[in-house]
Amino acid sequence: KLPIQRLRNIFFKSENLVELVLTNLFNLEHIDFHLLDSQRSFSRIVFDNTTVDPENLKEILKPVRRSIKEFRFINNRIEIVKLPKRFFLDYQLGLLDVQNNLFLDWDFLTVTKSRKLLLKNSQALKSSFDLSKFSILYLYCELFDLENIGIHGTFPSTISEPFQHVKSLTVKSNSIESLHNSIDQMFPHLQLLDISYNKIKHLQPDLNNLFYKTEIFKLEGNPLHCNCQVRWLSARYKSKIRDFPRCNFGYRNSNLSESTQSDDLFFSQLATDSLICLPPRAPILSISKAEVPIKLTVSGKDKPNNISIVKKEYTLVMNSNQLVELNCETEGDPTPTLIWSDEVGPILTRHPSSHINHSSNRLTVGLEGSNVSSVYICTASNIEGISFALLNLVSKRVDMSSIHQNTSVVAFERIISNVNNRNCASKFFAQISELNINETLMWQILYIFICIMNKYYL
C-alpha cells in the first residue's frame, strides 16, 4: 500500500503478491509492465484517487487477467477516464467497482463480465446509462449499485434478455419518474430494490408481481401521490417496504382534514380506506383572449348524480367572423383528461372556425359565414367519473329565444342523464338506435358509456 503523493514510477519485484492498492498518487506516470509477471495468487487491485494511463494499465494486468477477481478504480474526479470499449473483455470479475469517477462514456461496460457492478456517483460525458446496451451483463451480474448516475424517465428501458441472476438493485438518487410495467420480468429473482430519492409519483397496479416477488423495498424520498391508485400497495405490501416515503396529496383529499394533509404524512401512517380518488368537477370555461370585450355567461349549476357525471352550461354571444380563445379547467384526482368536442367529434385542428392548442388545452372558436349558432363540449374524465361543460355559441344577429339546441347535443344530454345505474345497458343502446345522429358522435357516446360501466363492473 503506497500512499505516496509524489511517486511518479513504480518498479519492484515480488513473487507472492496478492493485492496492490495505490492511493492518492496524483502524479503517477508509469508502472512497470512486468510488475505482475508470474503472480499466480494475485486477485485484487485498487486505484483510489490515482491517475493512470489505461493502456499502461492494460499491459500491467495482462499476466493476471485470469486470476484477478476484484478491480476497483474509484474516486478519480481529477480527469476524464477513457477506458477502451474492450478493456474488460478477457476478465471475469467477482467485483468491478468504478464509483465516483468521471468517464468519457459507458462503452467499457459493453463486454464487462462481473458478478457485482458498483457505479455509484459516476457520470459519463457522452452517453446516458442504458441497461439495454449492456446485454452481456445479464449472464453474470448479481448486484447492481447504480446510485446517482443520471438515470431518468422510466426505469428500466426495454431490455432484450432478463437479468436472471440479479438479486440486489439500487437506483437511488436518480431522476426516475416511473418503473416499467414489466420490471418483474426483467429482474425475475430480485430480492432488494432501492428506488429511494427519485421522482416517482405513481406506483401502478401492474407492479403487483414485482412487489409480490421482491422481499425488501426502499421508497423514501419519492413524492408519492397518495390516492386510490396506491391502495393495492397499502393493503398488501406495507410489511415489505423500508424507509417509507412522505405523501404528496395534490388535489384535496376530503377524507383528511386540512391540518392532517399539511403535516406531510408518511405513507405508512395512512389507513388504506383513506386513500381515495375524486371525480372531476364540472369544467370551468373562461375567455383567455378575444378581439373585442365579450362576456361568457353561466346558465346552469353543477349537477352531480350517482354515476359521477357533472355538467355546467355556458352561453357566449358574439359577432360573426369573430374569434375567441377559450380555456377549460377542472380539478380531480387523478388529474382528469380534458377533451374538446363539437357536433362532428373531438377537435384536432379545423381553422378558422375552431382550433385547439393541445399544450394548454385552449380552444379558438368562431361563427363562420352564415352560421348563427354552434355547440362545443369540454369533457373531463378520470377513473372516478366524467364531467363536462356545454358551450352554446350564438350570433348577436339573432333573437336568443329563437335559438334551439343542436339535436345531437340534446340527444347527448338525454342519453347521459339516463345512464344512472348498472342495469341500464339495454335502455341505453335502445335510445342510441332511435336517434338520428352521425356515426362519429355515436361512437363518442358509446365510449363514454363504456368508461362509466367499466368503473362499476371493476
Protein backbone atom coordinates (compact mmCIF):
# COMPACT_ATOMS: atom_id res chain seq x y z
CA LYS A 1 0.00 0.00 0.00
CA LEU A 2 1.64 3.17 -1.19
CA PRO A 3 0.10 6.48 -0.06
CA ILE A 4 2.97 8.49 -1.53
CA GLN A 5 1.65 11.55 -3.34
CA ARG A 6 4.86 12.43 -5.19
CA LEU A 7 5.53 8.96 -6.57
CA ARG A 8 5.96 9.00 -10.37
CA ASN A 9 7.21 5.50 -11.19
CA ILE A 10 6.76 2.07 -9.62
CA PHE A 11 9.32 -0.72 -10.04
CA PHE A 12 9.58 -3.68 -7.70
CA LYS A 13 9.67 -7.46 -7.66
CA SER A 14 7.59 -9.85 -5.60
CA GLU A 15 6.61 -13.46 -6.12
CA ASN A 16 3.68 -13.69 -3.71
CA LEU A 17 1.75 -10.52 -4.42
CA VAL A 18 -1.97 -10.91 -3.67
CA GLU A 19 -3.21 -7.34 -3.95
CA LEU A 20 -1.99 -3.92 -4.99
CA VAL A 21 -3.55 -0.75 -3.57
CA LEU A 22 -2.47 2.63 -4.90
CA THR A 23 -3.92 5.63 -3.06
CA ASN A 24 -3.70 9.37 -3.79
CA LEU A 25 -1.00 9.09 -6.43
CA PHE A 26 -1.79 12.22 -8.41
CA ASN A 27 1.48 12.31 -10.34
CA LEU A 28 1.89 8.67 -11.26
CA GLU A 29 3.23 8.45 -14.81
CA HIS A 30 4.39 4.88 -15.22
CA ILE A 31 4.06 1.43 -13.69
CA ASP A 32 6.50 -1.28 -14.73
CA PHE A 33 4.88 -3.55 -17.32
CA HIS A 34 6.42 -6.59 -15.64
CA LEU A 35 5.20 -5.74 -12.19
CA LEU A 36 2.70 -8.61 -12.07
CA ASP A 37 4.60 -11.22 -14.06
CA SER A 38 4.48 -14.70 -12.52
CA GLN A 39 1.96 -13.64 -9.86
CA ARG A 40 -0.17 -16.76 -9.56
CA SER A 41 -2.07 -15.64 -6.44
CA PHE A 42 -2.81 -12.06 -7.44
CA SER A 43 -6.55 -11.32 -7.18
CA ARG A 44 -7.21 -7.69 -6.22
CA ILE A 45 -6.13 -4.28 -7.47
CA VAL A 46 -7.28 -0.86 -6.22
CA PHE A 47 -6.67 2.57 -7.73
CA ASP A 48 -8.07 5.09 -5.26
CA ASN A 49 -7.78 8.70 -6.42
CA THR A 50 -4.88 7.66 -8.60
CA THR A 51 -4.31 8.66 -12.20
CA VAL A 52 -3.01 6.03 -14.56
CA ASP A 53 -2.93 5.64 -18.32
CA PRO A 54 -5.50 2.95 -19.37
CA GLU A 55 -3.18 1.47 -22.00
CA ASN A 56 -0.37 1.20 -19.46
CA LEU A 57 -2.78 -0.42 -17.01
CA LYS A 58 -3.98 -2.92 -19.60
CA GLU A 59 -0.42 -4.14 -20.21
CA ILE A 60 0.29 -4.40 -16.48
CA LEU A 61 -2.78 -6.56 -15.85
CA LYS A 62 -2.32 -8.85 -18.83
CA PRO A 63 -0.39 -11.55 -16.87
CA VAL A 64 -3.11 -11.73 -14.17
CA ARG A 65 -6.24 -11.29 -16.27
CA ARG A 66 -7.33 -14.87 -15.49
CA SER A 67 -6.76 -14.71 -11.72
CA ILE A 68 -7.89 -11.19 -10.81
CA LYS A 69 -11.30 -11.14 -9.11
CA GLU A 70 -11.64 -7.59 -7.80
CA PHE A 71 -10.96 -4.44 -9.76
CA ARG A 72 -11.51 -1.09 -8.04
CA PHE A 73 -10.93 2.17 -9.87
CA ILE A 74 -12.53 4.78 -7.62
CA ASN A 75 -12.64 8.46 -6.66
CA ASN A 76 -10.95 9.78 -9.78
CA ARG A 77 -12.59 13.16 -10.41
CA ILE A 78 -9.42 14.97 -11.40
CA GLU A 79 -9.52 14.00 -15.06
CA ILE A 80 -11.84 12.25 -17.51
CA VAL A 81 -11.34 8.49 -17.51
CA LYS A 82 -11.18 7.00 -21.01
CA LEU A 83 -11.44 3.23 -20.66
CA PRO A 84 -11.35 1.43 -24.04
CA LYS A 85 -14.52 -0.38 -25.07
CA ARG A 86 -12.89 -3.83 -24.85
CA PHE A 87 -10.85 -3.14 -21.72
CA PHE A 88 -12.52 -5.88 -19.62
CA LEU A 89 -13.09 -8.36 -22.44
CA ASP A 90 -10.71 -11.01 -21.02
CA TYR A 91 -11.74 -10.62 -17.38
CA GLN A 92 -14.38 -12.47 -15.41
CA LEU A 93 -14.62 -10.47 -12.21
CA GLY A 94 -16.33 -11.00 -8.92
CA LEU A 95 -16.41 -7.24 -8.35
CA LEU A 96 -16.00 -4.23 -10.61
CA ASP A 97 -16.04 -1.06 -8.54
CA VAL A 98 -15.80 2.17 -10.54
CA GLN A 99 -17.56 4.53 -8.13
CA ASN A 100 -17.18 8.30 -8.11
CA ASN A 101 -15.48 8.71 -11.49
CA LEU A 102 -15.97 10.93 -14.49
CA PHE A 103 -15.95 8.74 -17.61
CA LEU A 104 -15.97 9.73 -21.23
CA ASP A 105 -18.68 7.12 -21.92
CA TRP A 106 -20.12 3.82 -20.64
CA ASP A 107 -18.88 1.74 -23.58
CA PHE A 108 -16.45 -0.25 -21.43
CA LEU A 109 -19.48 -1.99 -19.85
CA THR A 110 -20.50 -3.50 -23.20
CA VAL A 111 -18.23 -6.54 -22.77
CA THR A 112 -17.86 -6.48 -18.98
CA LYS A 113 -18.40 -9.73 -17.08
CA SER A 114 -18.77 -9.15 -13.34
CA ARG A 115 -20.98 -10.57 -10.60
CA LYS A 116 -21.11 -7.22 -8.79
CA LEU A 117 -21.11 -3.85 -10.51
CA LEU A 118 -20.74 -0.63 -8.48
CA LEU A 119 -21.16 2.61 -10.42
CA LYS A 120 -22.32 4.88 -7.59
CA ASN A 121 -21.81 8.63 -8.19
CA SER A 122 -20.12 8.11 -11.56
CA GLN A 123 -21.07 10.07 -14.66
CA ALA A 124 -20.36 9.78 -18.38
CA LEU A 125 -19.98 12.86 -20.55
CA LYS A 126 -21.01 11.43 -23.90
CA SER A 127 -23.77 8.96 -23.05
CA SER A 128 -26.53 8.27 -20.56
CA PHE A 129 -26.75 4.95 -18.75
CA ASP A 130 -28.98 2.44 -20.52
CA LEU A 131 -29.07 -1.20 -19.37
CA SER A 132 -30.30 -2.37 -22.76
CA LYS A 133 -26.87 -1.55 -24.24
CA PHE A 134 -25.01 -3.87 -21.86
CA SER A 135 -26.77 -7.12 -22.58
CA ILE A 136 -23.78 -9.34 -21.69
CA LEU A 137 -24.20 -8.36 -18.04
CA TYR A 138 -27.39 -10.43 -17.80
CA LEU A 139 -25.26 -13.59 -17.90
CA TYR A 140 -23.19 -12.70 -14.84
CA CYS A 141 -24.37 -9.81 -12.69
CA GLU A 142 -25.99 -10.45 -9.29
CA LEU A 143 -25.74 -6.96 -7.78
CA PHE A 144 -26.13 -3.51 -9.32
CA ASP A 145 -25.35 -0.28 -7.47
CA LEU A 146 -26.49 2.45 -9.86
CA GLU A 147 -26.93 5.24 -7.33
CA ASN A 148 -26.77 8.78 -8.71
CA ILE A 149 -25.52 8.02 -12.22
CA GLY A 150 -28.01 10.15 -14.15
CA ILE A 151 -30.82 7.68 -14.91
CA HIS A 152 -34.05 9.47 -15.79
CA GLY A 153 -37.55 8.78 -17.10
CA THR A 154 -38.85 5.21 -16.97
CA PHE A 155 -36.59 2.54 -15.50
CA PRO A 156 -35.50 0.26 -16.93
CA SER A 157 -35.84 0.77 -20.64
CA THR A 158 -36.82 -2.32 -22.59
CA ILE A 159 -34.09 -4.97 -22.47
CA SER A 160 -33.65 -7.96 -24.76
CA GLU A 161 -32.82 -10.54 -22.07
CA PRO A 162 -33.89 -10.74 -18.42
CA PHE A 163 -31.24 -10.34 -15.74
CA GLN A 164 -31.78 -13.78 -14.27
CA HIS A 165 -29.11 -13.55 -11.56
CA VAL A 166 -29.68 -10.05 -10.16
CA LYS A 167 -30.80 -10.17 -6.52
CA SER A 168 -29.98 -6.62 -5.40
CA LEU A 169 -30.69 -3.49 -7.43
CA THR A 170 -30.01 0.05 -6.20
CA VAL A 171 -31.05 3.02 -8.34
CA LYS A 172 -31.17 5.53 -5.52
CA SER A 173 -30.85 9.31 -6.06
CA ASN A 174 -31.53 9.43 -9.79
CA SER A 175 -34.33 11.16 -11.70
CA ILE A 176 -36.53 8.11 -12.29
CA GLU A 177 -40.18 9.08 -12.76
CA SER A 178 -41.74 5.64 -13.16
CA LEU A 179 -40.98 1.92 -13.14
CA HIS A 180 -41.50 -0.19 -16.24
CA ASN A 181 -44.63 -2.36 -16.09
CA SER A 182 -42.54 -5.45 -16.88
CA ILE A 183 -39.70 -4.82 -14.44
CA ASP A 184 -40.60 -8.03 -12.59
CA GLN A 185 -39.89 -9.98 -15.79
CA MET A 186 -36.65 -8.11 -16.42
CA PHE A 187 -35.42 -8.95 -12.90
CA PRO A 188 -37.27 -12.18 -12.05
CA HIS A 189 -35.21 -13.08 -8.95
CA LEU A 190 -34.88 -9.67 -7.35
CA GLN A 191 -34.76 -9.64 -3.54
CA LEU A 192 -33.95 -6.00 -2.80
CA LEU A 193 -34.96 -2.90 -4.75
CA ASP A 194 -33.85 0.55 -3.60
CA ILE A 195 -35.58 3.30 -5.59
CA SER A 196 -35.39 5.95 -2.87
CA TYR A 197 -34.86 9.65 -3.63
CA ASN A 198 -36.16 9.63 -7.17
CA LYS A 199 -39.15 11.43 -8.73
CA ILE A 200 -41.70 8.62 -8.61
CA LYS A 201 -45.24 9.93 -8.06
CA HIS A 202 -47.22 6.84 -9.05
CA LEU A 203 -46.78 3.11 -8.49
CA GLN A 204 -49.22 1.41 -10.84
CA PRO A 205 -51.04 -1.88 -10.03
CA ASP A 206 -49.10 -3.51 -12.90
CA LEU A 207 -46.17 -3.62 -10.45
CA ASN A 208 -48.03 -6.07 -8.20
CA ASN A 209 -45.89 -9.05 -9.28
CA LEU A 210 -42.71 -7.09 -8.57
CA PHE A 211 -43.78 -6.33 -5.01
CA TYR A 212 -45.03 -9.88 -4.53
CA LYS A 213 -41.71 -11.47 -5.53
CA THR A 214 -39.28 -8.98 -4.00
CA GLU A 215 -38.53 -9.12 -0.28
CA ILE A 216 -37.39 -5.57 0.54
CA PHE A 217 -38.22 -2.18 -0.97
CA LYS A 218 -36.86 1.26 -0.18
CA LEU A 219 -39.08 4.13 -1.35
CA GLU A 220 -38.02 7.03 0.87
CA GLY A 221 -37.68 10.45 -0.71
CA ASN A 222 -40.14 9.95 -3.59
CA PRO A 223 -43.08 12.39 -3.98
CA LEU A 224 -45.59 9.52 -3.93
CA HIS A 225 -49.11 10.66 -4.75
CA CYS A 226 -51.33 9.06 -2.10
CA ASN A 227 -54.72 8.35 -3.63
CA CYS A 228 -56.84 5.32 -4.51
CA GLN A 229 -54.31 4.21 -7.12
CA VAL A 230 -51.91 3.03 -4.38
CA ARG A 231 -54.49 1.22 -2.24
CA TRP A 232 -53.18 -2.09 -3.54
CA LEU A 233 -49.73 -1.19 -2.23
CA SER A 234 -51.01 -0.16 1.18
CA ALA A 235 -53.26 -3.19 1.60
CA ARG A 236 -50.79 -5.87 0.55
CA TYR A 237 -47.17 -4.82 0.88
CA LYS A 238 -46.63 -2.39 3.76
CA SER A 239 -44.62 -5.01 5.62
CA LYS A 240 -42.10 -5.23 2.76
CA ILE A 241 -41.43 -1.51 2.45
CA ARG A 242 -38.50 0.00 4.33
CA ASP A 243 -37.95 3.75 4.55
CA PHE A 244 -41.49 4.89 3.72
CA PRO A 245 -41.96 7.97 1.51
CA ARG A 246 -43.91 11.04 2.52
CA CYS A 247 -47.27 11.50 0.85
CA ASN A 248 -48.00 14.11 -1.77
CA PHE A 249 -51.77 14.64 -1.86
CA GLY A 250 -52.10 17.10 -4.73
CA TYR A 251 -55.81 17.81 -5.12
CA ARG A 252 -57.51 17.91 -1.70
CA ASN A 253 -58.39 14.58 -0.12
CA SER A 254 -61.79 15.11 1.50
CA ASN A 255 -61.24 12.20 3.89
CA LEU A 256 -58.38 14.04 5.59
CA SER A 257 -58.53 17.29 7.48
CA GLU A 258 -56.60 20.28 6.17
CA SER A 259 -54.22 20.19 9.14
CA THR A 260 -53.53 16.49 8.62
CA GLN A 261 -52.68 16.95 4.96
CA SER A 262 -50.34 19.84 5.61
CA ASP A 263 -48.35 17.70 8.05
CA ASP A 264 -46.94 15.78 5.08
CA LEU A 265 -47.69 12.32 6.42
CA PHE A 266 -45.69 9.21 5.73
CA PHE A 267 -47.35 6.60 3.54
CA SER A 268 -47.20 4.11 6.42
CA GLN A 269 -49.36 6.39 8.60
CA LEU A 270 -52.39 6.32 6.31
CA ALA A 271 -55.17 3.77 6.54
CA THR A 272 -56.00 2.06 3.26
CA ASP A 273 -59.57 3.41 3.19
CA SER A 274 -58.29 7.00 3.45
CA LEU A 275 -56.57 6.65 0.07
CA ILE A 276 -59.31 7.93 -2.21
CA CYS A 277 -59.74 9.41 -5.66
CA LEU A 278 -62.09 12.25 -6.57
CA PRO A 279 -64.16 12.64 -9.75
CA PRO A 280 -63.58 15.73 -11.89
CA ARG A 281 -65.52 18.84 -11.08
CA ALA A 282 -67.54 20.42 -13.85
CA PRO A 283 -65.02 22.16 -16.13
CA ILE A 284 -64.81 25.92 -15.81
CA LEU A 285 -64.66 27.82 -19.08
CA SER A 286 -63.03 31.22 -19.31
CA ILE A 287 -62.06 33.62 -22.08
CA SER A 288 -58.30 33.87 -22.37
CA LYS A 289 -58.21 36.06 -25.49
CA ALA A 290 -60.83 37.99 -27.50
CA GLU A 291 -60.67 40.58 -30.28
CA VAL A 292 -63.31 42.74 -28.56
CA PRO A 293 -64.69 42.64 -24.99
CA ILE A 294 -67.10 39.75 -24.63
CA LYS A 295 -69.00 38.12 -21.77
CA LEU A 296 -69.33 34.42 -21.02
CA THR A 297 -72.47 33.61 -19.00
CA VAL A 298 -73.20 30.51 -16.96
CA SER A 299 -76.73 29.20 -17.36
CA GLY A 300 -76.53 26.13 -15.13
CA LYS A 301 -75.01 24.84 -11.91
CA ASP A 302 -73.06 21.69 -11.15
CA LYS A 303 -75.48 18.76 -11.22
CA PRO A 304 -73.80 15.64 -9.83
CA ASN A 305 -75.62 12.32 -9.80
CA ASN A 306 -74.89 8.78 -8.69
CA ILE A 307 -72.68 7.93 -11.67
CA SER A 308 -70.26 10.79 -11.10
CA ILE A 309 -71.32 12.84 -14.12
CA VAL A 310 -71.37 16.60 -13.59
CA LYS A 311 -72.27 19.28 -16.11
CA LYS A 312 -72.20 23.05 -16.44
CA GLU A 313 -73.69 25.06 -19.29
CA TYR A 314 -72.34 28.30 -20.77
CA THR A 315 -73.61 30.75 -23.36
CA LEU A 316 -71.39 33.03 -25.42
CA VAL A 317 -72.97 35.73 -27.62
CA MET A 318 -70.55 37.11 -30.19
CA ASN A 319 -70.20 38.76 -33.58
CA SER A 320 -69.97 36.69 -36.73
CA ASN A 321 -66.42 36.12 -38.02
CA GLN A 322 -65.05 36.96 -34.57
CA LEU A 323 -62.56 34.57 -32.93
CA VAL A 324 -62.43 33.88 -29.21
CA GLU A 325 -59.88 31.78 -27.32
CA LEU A 326 -61.39 29.71 -24.51
CA ASN A 327 -59.70 27.94 -21.64
CA CYS A 328 -61.10 24.80 -19.98
CA GLU A 329 -60.00 23.89 -16.45
CA THR A 330 -61.10 21.40 -13.81
CA GLU A 331 -59.93 19.55 -10.72
CA GLY A 332 -59.94 15.88 -9.86
CA ASP A 333 -57.78 13.09 -8.51
CA PRO A 334 -56.18 11.57 -10.50
CA THR A 335 -55.70 14.53 -12.83
CA PRO A 336 -58.58 14.47 -15.35
CA THR A 337 -58.10 14.26 -19.10
CA LEU A 338 -59.70 17.17 -20.97
CA ILE A 339 -61.14 16.80 -24.48
CA TRP A 340 -62.79 19.47 -26.62
CA SER A 341 -65.53 18.26 -28.98
CA ASP A 342 -68.15 19.66 -31.31
CA GLU A 343 -71.01 18.04 -33.24
CA VAL A 344 -68.53 16.26 -35.51
CA GLY A 345 -66.35 14.78 -32.79
CA PRO A 346 -63.11 15.53 -30.91
CA ILE A 347 -61.48 18.70 -32.24
CA LEU A 348 -57.99 18.43 -33.66
CA THR A 349 -57.28 21.39 -35.94
CA ARG A 350 -60.04 22.82 -38.12
CA HIS A 351 -59.18 26.51 -38.56
CA PRO A 352 -60.70 29.10 -38.78
CA SER A 353 -63.99 28.01 -37.18
CA SER A 354 -62.18 26.04 -34.44
CA HIS A 355 -58.58 25.45 -33.48
CA ILE A 356 -57.13 23.75 -30.40
CA ASN A 357 -53.80 24.29 -28.68
CA HIS A 358 -53.11 20.87 -27.12
CA SER A 359 -50.26 22.03 -24.88
CA SER A 360 -52.52 24.47 -22.99
CA ASN A 361 -55.90 22.90 -23.88
CA ARG A 362 -57.16 26.22 -25.22
CA LEU A 363 -59.75 26.31 -27.98
CA THR A 364 -60.17 29.10 -30.51
CA VAL A 365 -63.76 29.26 -31.78
CA GLY A 366 -65.87 31.46 -34.01
CA LEU A 367 -69.02 31.63 -36.12
CA GLU A 368 -68.14 31.36 -39.77
CA GLY A 369 -70.20 32.61 -42.70
CA SER A 370 -73.95 32.23 -42.27
CA ASN A 371 -73.77 30.16 -39.08
CA VAL A 372 -75.79 31.70 -36.25
CA SER A 373 -75.04 29.13 -33.55
CA SER A 374 -72.71 26.30 -32.66
CA VAL A 375 -72.13 23.98 -29.73
CA TYR A 376 -68.89 22.82 -28.09
CA ILE A 377 -68.27 20.44 -25.21
CA CYS A 378 -65.27 20.27 -22.88
CA THR A 379 -65.23 16.80 -21.30
CA ALA A 380 -63.18 15.96 -18.21
CA SER A 381 -62.71 12.33 -17.21
CA ASN A 382 -60.74 10.17 -14.82
CA ILE A 383 -61.22 6.74 -13.25
CA GLU A 384 -63.83 8.16 -10.85
CA GLY A 385 -66.19 9.77 -13.33
CA ILE A 386 -66.94 12.23 -16.10
CA SER A 387 -67.94 15.88 -16.16
CA PHE A 388 -68.49 18.28 -19.00
CA ALA A 389 -69.11 21.91 -19.79
CA LEU A 390 -71.52 22.71 -22.61
CA LEU A 391 -70.88 25.90 -24.58
CA ASN A 392 -73.65 27.47 -26.70
CA LEU A 393 -72.06 29.84 -29.19
CA VAL A 394 -74.67 32.31 -30.50
CA SER A 395 -74.51 35.16 -33.01
CA LYS A 396 -75.63 38.66 -31.97
CA ARG A 397 -77.68 38.85 -35.17
CA VAL A 398 -80.42 36.55 -33.93
CA ASP A 399 -83.01 36.56 -31.18
CA MET A 400 -81.82 34.40 -28.29
CA SER A 401 -85.29 33.00 -27.72
CA SER A 402 -85.33 31.57 -31.24
CA ILE A 403 -82.16 29.55 -30.77
CA HIS A 404 -82.68 25.86 -30.15
CA GLN A 405 -80.05 23.48 -29.02
CA ASN A 406 -78.47 21.31 -31.65
CA THR A 407 -80.30 17.98 -31.99
CA SER A 408 -77.13 15.97 -31.42
CA VAL A 409 -76.33 17.81 -28.20
CA VAL A 410 -79.88 17.35 -26.91
CA ALA A 411 -79.51 13.66 -27.65
CA PHE A 412 -76.14 13.62 -25.89
CA GLU A 413 -77.57 15.19 -22.72
CA ARG A 414 -80.67 12.99 -22.71
CA ILE A 415 -78.61 9.82 -23.03
CA ILE A 416 -76.11 10.84 -20.35
CA SER A 417 -78.91 11.68 -17.92
CA ASN A 418 -80.31 8.17 -18.29
CA VAL A 419 -77.04 6.34 -17.63
CA ASN A 420 -77.73 6.14 -13.91
CA ASN A 421 -77.28 2.52 -12.89
CA ARG A 422 -75.53 -0.71 -13.81
CA ASN A 423 -78.64 -2.22 -15.41
CA CYS A 424 -79.31 0.50 -17.96
CA ALA A 425 -77.38 -1.05 -20.87
CA SER A 426 -80.39 -2.22 -22.89
CA LYS A 427 -82.21 1.09 -22.39
CA PHE A 428 -79.07 2.99 -23.36
CA PHE A 429 -78.48 1.15 -26.62
CA ALA A 430 -82.18 1.32 -27.50
CA GLN A 431 -82.03 5.10 -27.22
CA ILE A 432 -78.91 5.22 -29.37
CA SER A 433 -80.61 3.32 -32.18
CA GLU A 434 -83.66 5.64 -32.11
CA LEU A 435 -81.66 8.84 -32.52
CA ASN A 436 -80.77 10.33 -35.86
CA ILE A 437 -77.16 11.27 -35.05
CA ASN A 438 -73.97 10.92 -37.02
CA GLU A 439 -71.74 7.88 -36.55
CA THR A 440 -68.79 9.79 -35.03
CA LEU A 441 -70.86 11.26 -32.21
CA MET A 442 -72.48 7.88 -31.60
CA TRP A 443 -69.07 6.28 -31.01
CA GLN A 444 -68.16 9.14 -28.68
CA ILE A 445 -71.24 8.44 -26.61
CA LEU A 446 -70.56 4.71 -26.59
CA TYR A 447 -67.00 5.34 -25.43
CA ILE A 448 -68.17 7.47 -22.50
CA PHE A 449 -70.77 4.85 -21.59
CA ILE A 450 -68.13 2.09 -21.60
CA CYS A 451 -65.86 4.17 -19.35
CA ILE A 452 -68.66 4.62 -16.82
CA MET A 453 -69.71 0.98 -16.88
CA ASN A 454 -66.10 -0.15 -16.61
CA LYS A 455 -65.75 1.67 -13.30
CA TYR A 456 -68.75 -0.08 -11.77
CA TYR A 457 -68.04 -3.57 -13.03
CA LEU A 458 -64.46 -3.34 -11.77
